[in-house]
Amino acid sequence: MRVLGIDPGLTRCGVGVVDVRPDRKAALVEVTVIRTPADMPLEQRLLAVGSGIDALLDAHRPDVVAIERVFAQHNLRTVMGVAQVSGVALHAAARRGLRVALHTPSEVKAAITGYGSADKKQVQAMVARILGLAEAPKPADAADALAIAICHAWRGAPAADGGADAGTQAAQTPAQAAWLAAERSARTSAVPRRLAR
């Protein structure tokens, strides 16, 4: 599965592309940060970010686009910028008929580190480890985009079955092992429920 992850922002928009195999091993394809200056007119900034996302979508042809879900902040201006860039990214993906997934920061942290309240340094260190990099990509927006992509691939990909060889199991990170254990537990204890209408 090839996932293009987006950490939306108006000044810095992180974009990361990863390939994830069925055994959940992930490989870096590309990571970048699309930047726009604060003194540029808003419509031009959105055009620049959109053009950057378009170019990456066309170059890498991902199976799915994963975007960090907008969440409340005290800084209204920042929230507006994130929401506007998210809209541009959603539009670009929809125009190509791509599936889109939105993940909250806590979902991403839990998937990558096994802990939903992990700090940025912990997430960055795990991204580097998962992708076999000597260090996490900088700035943080780049590592965050990769984390979002990996989170979606691990959540969306079928779980490795219990018959996986010992070498594959040994290669799992603690977060991967915790995620697989949670998936197995959910499958064995799940009770079908009817949605209220």
C-alpha atoms as a PDB file:
ATOM      1  CA  MET A   1       0.000   0.000   0.000  1.00  0.00           C
ATOM      2  CA  ARG A   2       1.325   3.431  -0.924  1.00  0.00           C
ATOM      3  CA  VAL A   3       0.075   6.215   1.332  1.00  0.00           C
ATOM      4  CA  LEU A   4       0.589   9.946   0.954  1.00  0.00           C
ATOM      5  CA  GLY A   5       0.358  11.599   4.365  1.00  0.00           C
ATOM      6  CA  ILE A   6      -0.307  15.296   4.856  1.00  0.00           C
ATOM      7  CA  ASP A   7       0.318  17.403   7.950  1.00  0.00           C
ATOM      8  CA  PRO A   8      -1.674  20.452   6.820  1.00  0.00           C
ATOM      9  CA  GLY A   9      -0.420  23.952   7.469  1.00  0.00           C
ATOM     10  CA  LEU A  10      -0.365  27.215   5.591  1.00  0.00           C
ATOM     11  CA  THR A  11       3.218  28.238   6.378  1.00  0.00           C
ATOM     12  CA  ARG A  12       4.577  24.679   6.397  1.00  0.00           C
ATOM     13  CA  CYS A  13       2.629  21.738   4.942  1.00  0.00           C
ATOM     14  CA  GLY A  14       4.393  18.432   5.524  1.00  0.00           C
ATOM     15  CA  VAL A  15       3.902  15.734   2.899  1.00  0.00           C
ATOM     16  CA  GLY A  16       5.289  12.217   3.203  1.00  0.00           C
ATOM     17  CA  VAL A  17       4.925   9.167   0.987  1.00  0.00           C
ATOM     18  CA  VAL A  18       5.516   5.646   2.290  1.00  0.00           C
ATOM     19  CA  ASP A  19       5.154   2.143   0.905  1.00  0.00           C
ATOM     20  CA  VAL A  20       3.938  -0.386   3.465  1.00  0.00           C
ATOM     21  CA  ARG A  21       4.066  -4.142   2.860  1.00  0.00           C
ATOM     22  CA  PRO A  22       1.480  -6.643   4.134  1.00  0.00           C
ATOM     23  CA  ASP A  23       3.835  -7.485   7.050  1.00  0.00           C
ATOM     24  CA  ARG A  24       3.681  -3.740   7.912  1.00  0.00           C
ATOM     25  CA  LYS A  25       7.292  -2.962   7.141  1.00  0.00           C
ATOM     26  CA  ALA A  26       7.401   0.606   5.865  1.00  0.00           C
ATOM     27  CA  ALA A  27       9.781   2.253   3.397  1.00  0.00           C
ATOM     28  CA  LEU A  28      10.275   5.948   2.725  1.00  0.00           C
ATOM     29  CA  VAL A  29       9.434   7.071  -0.808  1.00  0.00           C
ATOM     30  CA  GLU A  30       9.603  10.857  -0.410  1.00  0.00           C
ATOM     31  CA  VAL A  31       9.162  13.500   2.241  1.00  0.00           C
ATOM     32  CA  THR A  32       9.031  17.259   1.811  1.00  0.00           C
ATOM     33  CA  VAL A  33       7.596  20.433   3.267  1.00  0.00           C
ATOM     34  CA  ILE A  34       5.663  22.864   1.068  1.00  0.00           C
ATOM     35  CA  ARG A  35       6.292  26.390   2.377  1.00  0.00           C
ATOM     36  CA  THR A  36       4.531  29.689   1.744  1.00  0.00           C
ATOM     37  CA  PRO A  37       5.508  33.117   3.098  1.00  0.00           C
ATOM     38  CA  ALA A  38       3.158  34.877   5.501  1.00  0.00           C
ATOM     39  CA  ASP A  39       3.152  38.042   3.403  1.00  0.00           C
ATOM     40  CA  MET A  40       1.800  36.287   0.293  1.00  0.00           C
ATOM     41  CA  PRO A  41      -1.947  36.778  -0.419  1.00  0.00           C
ATOM     42  CA  LEU A  42      -4.018  33.934   1.022  1.00  0.00           C
ATOM     43  CA  GLU A  43      -5.336  32.750  -2.335  1.00  0.00           C
ATOM     44  CA  GLN A  44      -1.769  32.562  -3.696  1.00  0.00           C
ATOM     45  CA  ARG A  45      -0.598  30.614  -0.654  1.00  0.00           C
ATOM     46  CA  LEU A  46      -3.407  28.085  -1.098  1.00  0.00           C
ATOM     47  CA  LEU A  47      -2.610  27.852  -4.814  1.00  0.00           C
ATOM     48  CA  ALA A  48       1.066  27.167  -4.035  1.00  0.00           C
ATOM     49  CA  VAL A  49       0.244  24.467  -1.482  1.00  0.00           C
ATOM     50  CA  GLY A  50      -2.314  22.914  -3.829  1.00  0.00           C
ATOM     51  CA  SER A  51       0.148  22.877  -6.726  1.00  0.00           C
ATOM     52  CA  GLY A  52       2.743  21.181  -4.518  1.00  0.00           C
ATOM     53  CA  ILE A  53       0.268  18.517  -3.410  1.00  0.00           C
ATOM     54  CA  ASP A  54      -0.883  18.011  -7.015  1.00  0.00           C
ATOM     55  CA  ALA A  55       2.699  17.441  -8.165  1.00  0.00           C
ATOM     56  CA  LEU A  56       3.351  14.850  -5.436  1.00  0.00           C
ATOM     57  CA  LEU A  57       0.068  13.028  -6.098  1.00  0.00           C
ATOM     58  CA  ASP A  58       0.861  12.828  -9.821  1.00  0.00           C
ATOM     59  CA  ALA A  59       4.478  11.787  -9.261  1.00  0.00           C
ATOM     60  CA  HIS A  60       3.812   9.036  -6.712  1.00  0.00           C
ATOM     61  CA  ARG A  61       0.236   7.876  -7.477  1.00  0.00           C
ATOM     62  CA  PRO A  62      -0.661   6.791  -3.925  1.00  0.00           C
ATOM     63  CA  ASP A  63      -3.436   4.304  -3.148  1.00  0.00           C
ATOM     64  CA  VAL A  64      -4.816   6.557  -0.430  1.00  0.00           C
ATOM     65  CA  VAL A  65      -4.292  10.012   1.061  1.00  0.00           C
ATOM     66  CA  ALA A  66      -4.175  10.397   4.862  1.00  0.00           C
ATOM     67  CA  ILE A  67      -4.600  13.846   6.407  1.00  0.00           C
ATOM     68  CA  GLU A  68      -4.309  14.972  10.011  1.00  0.00           C
ATOM     69  CA  ARG A  69      -7.779  15.936  11.198  1.00  0.00           C
ATOM     70  CA  VAL A  70      -8.211  19.568  12.212  1.00  0.00           C
ATOM     71  CA  PHE A  71      -8.490  19.941  15.967  1.00  0.00           C
ATOM     72  CA  ALA A  72      -9.307  22.878  18.229  1.00  0.00           C
ATOM     73  CA  GLN A  73      -6.559  25.265  19.197  1.00  0.00           C
ATOM     74  CA  HIS A  74      -6.538  28.611  20.964  1.00  0.00           C
ATOM     75  CA  ASN A  75      -4.967  30.183  17.884  1.00  0.00           C
ATOM     76  CA  LEU A  76      -7.916  30.721  15.518  1.00  0.00           C
ATOM     77  CA  ARG A  77      -5.668  31.909  12.710  1.00  0.00           C
ATOM     78  CA  THR A  78      -3.680  28.662  12.799  1.00  0.00           C
ATOM     79  CA  VAL A  79      -6.867  26.566  12.850  1.00  0.00           C
ATOM     80  CA  MET A  80      -8.205  28.458   9.832  1.00  0.00           C
ATOM     81  CA  GLY A  81      -4.992  27.897   7.873  1.00  0.00           C
ATOM     82  CA  VAL A  82      -4.979  24.179   8.697  1.00  0.00           C
ATOM     83  CA  ALA A  83      -8.651  23.858   7.712  1.00  0.00           C
ATOM     84  CA  GLN A  84      -8.100  25.705   4.433  1.00  0.00           C
ATOM     85  CA  VAL A  85      -5.111  23.555   3.467  1.00  0.00           C
ATOM     86  CA  SER A  86      -7.031  20.407   4.450  1.00  0.00           C
ATOM     87  CA  GLY A  87      -9.782  21.472   2.051  1.00  0.00           C
ATOM     88  CA  VAL A  88      -7.257  21.970  -0.759  1.00  0.00           C
ATOM     89  CA  ALA A  89      -5.797  18.493  -0.085  1.00  0.00           C
ATOM     90  CA  LEU A  90      -9.250  16.868   0.055  1.00  0.00           C
ATOM     91  CA  HIS A  91     -10.140  18.501  -3.252  1.00  0.00           C
ATOM     92  CA  ALA A  92      -6.911  17.324  -4.916  1.00  0.00           C
ATOM     93  CA  ALA A  93      -7.471  13.734  -3.767  1.00  0.00           C
ATOM     94  CA  ALA A  94     -11.170  13.706  -4.723  1.00  0.00           C
ATOM     95  CA  ARG A  95     -10.360  15.049  -8.193  1.00  0.00           C
ATOM     96  CA  ARG A  96      -8.195  11.947  -8.748  1.00  0.00           C
ATOM     97  CA  GLY A  97     -10.743   9.545  -7.278  1.00  0.00           C
ATOM     98  CA  LEU A  98      -8.459   8.676  -4.356  1.00  0.00           C
ATOM     99  CA  ARG A  99      -9.671   7.447  -1.000  1.00  0.00           C
ATOM    100  CA  VAL A 100      -9.045   9.868   1.864  1.00  0.00           C
ATOM    101  CA  ALA A 101      -8.699   9.152   5.583  1.00  0.00           C
ATOM    102  CA  LEU A 102      -8.573  11.672   8.429  1.00  0.00           C
ATOM    103  CA  HIS A 103      -6.678  10.815  11.615  1.00  0.00           C
ATOM    104  CA  THR A 104      -6.497  12.804  14.838  1.00  0.00           C
ATOM    105  CA  PRO A 105      -3.108  13.571  16.396  1.00  0.00           C
ATOM    106  CA  SER A 106      -3.841  11.114  19.240  1.00  0.00           C
ATOM    107  CA  GLU A 107      -4.664   8.323  16.777  1.00  0.00           C
ATOM    108  CA  VAL A 108      -1.377   8.926  14.999  1.00  0.00           C
ATOM    109  CA  LYS A 109       0.617   8.986  18.255  1.00  0.00           C
ATOM    110  CA  ALA A 110      -1.040   5.789  19.476  1.00  0.00           C
ATOM    111  CA  ALA A 111      -0.366   3.975  16.207  1.00  0.00           C
ATOM    112  CA  ILE A 112       3.274   5.050  15.990  1.00  0.00           C
ATOM    113  CA  THR A 113       4.368   4.883  19.635  1.00  0.00           C
ATOM    114  CA  GLY A 114       1.645   2.850  21.346  1.00  0.00           C
ATOM    115  CA  TYR A 115       0.840   5.889  23.503  1.00  0.00           C
ATOM    116  CA  GLY A 116      -1.762   8.507  22.523  1.00  0.00           C
ATOM    117  CA  SER A 117      -0.139  11.279  24.559  1.00  0.00           C
ATOM    118  CA  ALA A 118       3.409  10.816  23.255  1.00  0.00           C
ATOM    119  CA  ASP A 119       5.377  13.992  22.615  1.00  0.00           C
ATOM    120  CA  LYS A 120       6.723  15.102  19.231  1.00  0.00           C
ATOM    121  CA  LYS A 121      10.247  13.838  19.924  1.00  0.00           C
ATOM    122  CA  GLN A 122       8.949  10.345  20.706  1.00  0.00           C
ATOM    123  CA  VAL A 123       6.914  10.296  17.488  1.00  0.00           C
ATOM    124  CA  GLN A 124       9.865  11.541  15.440  1.00  0.00           C
ATOM    125  CA  ALA A 125      12.202   8.940  16.958  1.00  0.00           C
ATOM    126  CA  MET A 126       9.739   6.142  16.169  1.00  0.00           C
ATOM    127  CA  VAL A 127       9.218   7.378  12.596  1.00  0.00           C
ATOM    128  CA  ALA A 128      12.996   7.234  12.058  1.00  0.00           C
ATOM    129  CA  ARG A 129      13.154   3.748  13.573  1.00  0.00           C
ATOM    130  CA  ILE A 130      10.197   2.393  11.592  1.00  0.00           C
ATOM    131  CA  LEU A 131      11.631   3.706   8.313  1.00  0.00           C
ATOM    132  CA  GLY A 132      15.215   2.718   9.115  1.00  0.00           C
ATOM    133  CA  LEU A 133      16.497   6.299   9.000  1.00  0.00           C
ATOM    134  CA  ALA A 134      19.548   7.561  10.865  1.00  0.00           C
ATOM    135  CA  GLU A 135      17.465  10.485  12.125  1.00  0.00           C
ATOM    136  CA  ALA A 136      13.957  11.856  11.793  1.00  0.00           C
ATOM    137  CA  PRO A 137      13.308  14.170   8.840  1.00  0.00           C
ATOM    138  CA  LYS A 138      13.211  17.861   9.719  1.00  0.00           C
ATOM    139  CA  PRO A 139      11.338  20.059  10.324  1.00  0.00           C
ATOM    140  CA  ALA A 140       8.767  18.322  12.526  1.00  0.00           C
ATOM    141  CA  ASP A 141       6.061  18.805   9.873  1.00  0.00           C
ATOM    142  CA  ALA A 142       7.932  16.357   7.613  1.00  0.00           C
ATOM    143  CA  ALA A 143       8.143  13.645  10.284  1.00  0.00           C
ATOM    144  CA  ASP A 144       4.497  14.265  11.225  1.00  0.00           C
ATOM    145  CA  ALA A 145       3.392  13.711   7.614  1.00  0.00           C
ATOM    146  CA  LEU A 146       5.228  10.366   7.547  1.00  0.00           C
ATOM    147  CA  ALA A 147       3.676   9.403  10.894  1.00  0.00           C
ATOM    148  CA  ILE A 148       0.195  10.115   9.488  1.00  0.00           C
ATOM    149  CA  ALA A 149       0.924   7.968   6.418  1.00  0.00           C
ATOM    150  CA  ILE A 150       2.282   5.078   8.515  1.00  0.00           C
ATOM    151  CA  CYS A 151      -0.649   5.333  10.939  1.00  0.00           C
ATOM    152  CA  HIS A 152      -3.124   4.941   8.109  1.00  0.00           C
ATOM    153  CA  ALA A 153      -1.267   2.056   6.491  1.00  0.00           C
ATOM    154  CA  TRP A 154      -1.097   0.165   9.766  1.00  0.00           C
ATOM    155  CA  ARG A 155      -4.735   0.833  10.581  1.00  0.00           C
ATOM    156  CA  GLY A 156      -5.981   0.177   7.064  1.00  0.00           C
ATOM    157  CA  ALA A 157      -3.802  -2.780   6.113  1.00  0.00           C
ATOM    158  CA  PRO A 158      -4.869  -6.337   6.979  1.00  0.00           C
ATOM    159  CA  ALA A 159      -3.269  -7.615  10.139  1.00  0.00           C
ATOM    160  CA  ALA A 160      -0.362 -10.024   9.731  1.00  0.00           C
ATOM    161  CA  ASP A 161      -1.685 -13.458  10.569  1.00  0.00           C
ATOM    162  CA  GLY A 162      -0.591 -15.452  13.563  1.00  0.00           C
ATOM    163  CA  GLY A 163       1.394 -17.783  11.314  1.00  0.00           C
ATOM    164  CA  ALA A 164       3.973 -15.138  10.436  1.00  0.00           C
ATOM    165  CA  ASP A 165       7.514 -16.418  10.782  1.00  0.00           C
ATOM    166  CA  ALA A 166       9.600 -15.563  13.794  1.00  0.00           C
ATOM    167  CA  GLY A 167      11.844 -13.247  11.781  1.00  0.00           C
ATOM    168  CA  THR A 168       8.903 -11.071  10.772  1.00  0.00           C
ATOM    169  CA  GLN A 169       7.569 -10.952  14.334  1.00  0.00           C
ATOM    170  CA  ALA A 170      11.008 -10.059  15.686  1.00  0.00           C
ATOM    171  CA  ALA A 171      11.234  -7.136  13.249  1.00  0.00           C
ATOM    172  CA  GLN A 172       8.080  -5.508  14.616  1.00  0.00           C
ATOM    173  CA  THR A 173       8.423  -2.355  16.646  1.00  0.00           C
ATOM    174  CA  PRO A 174       6.721  -2.298  20.067  1.00  0.00           C
ATOM    175  CA  ALA A 175       3.987  -0.075  18.610  1.00  0.00           C
ATOM    176  CA  GLN A 176       3.359  -2.540  15.764  1.00  0.00           C
ATOM    177  CA  ALA A 177       3.162  -5.435  18.213  1.00  0.00           C
ATOM    178  CA  ALA A 178       0.767  -3.496  20.478  1.00  0.00           C
ATOM    179  CA  TRP A 179      -1.422  -2.550  17.522  1.00  0.00           C
ATOM    180  CA  LEU A 180      -1.599  -6.150  16.252  1.00  0.00           C
ATOM    181  CA  ALA A 181      -2.445  -7.410  19.742  1.00  0.00           C
ATOM    182  CA  ALA A 182      -5.241  -4.835  20.034  1.00  0.00           C
ATOM    183  CA  GLU A 183      -6.622  -5.843  16.627  1.00  0.00           C
ATOM    184  CA  ARG A 184      -6.627  -9.541  17.577  1.00  0.00           C
ATOM    185  CA  SER A 185      -8.354  -8.759  20.871  1.00  0.00           C
ATOM    186  CA  ALA A 186     -10.984  -6.625  19.136  1.00  0.00           C
ATOM    187  CA  ARG A 187     -11.715  -9.376  16.608  1.00  0.00           C
ATOM    188  CA  THR A 188     -12.165 -12.066  19.267  1.00  0.00           C
ATOM    189  CA  SER A 189     -14.291  -9.947  21.592  1.00  0.00           C
ATOM    190  CA  ALA A 190     -16.321  -8.022  19.029  1.00  0.00           C
ATOM    191  CA  VAL A 191     -20.099  -8.323  19.336  1.00  0.00           C
ATOM    192  CA  PRO A 192     -22.167  -7.247  16.334  1.00  0.00           C
ATOM    193  CA  ARG A 193     -24.231  -4.173  17.067  1.00  0.00           C
ATOM    194  CA  ARG A 194     -27.032  -2.557  15.113  1.00  0.00           C
ATOM    195  CA  LEU A 195     -26.680   1.147  14.557  1.00  0.00           C
ATOM    196  CA  ALA A 196     -29.523   3.251  15.885  1.00  0.00           C
ATOM    197  CA  ARG A 197     -31.335   5.090  13.111  1.00  0.00           C
END
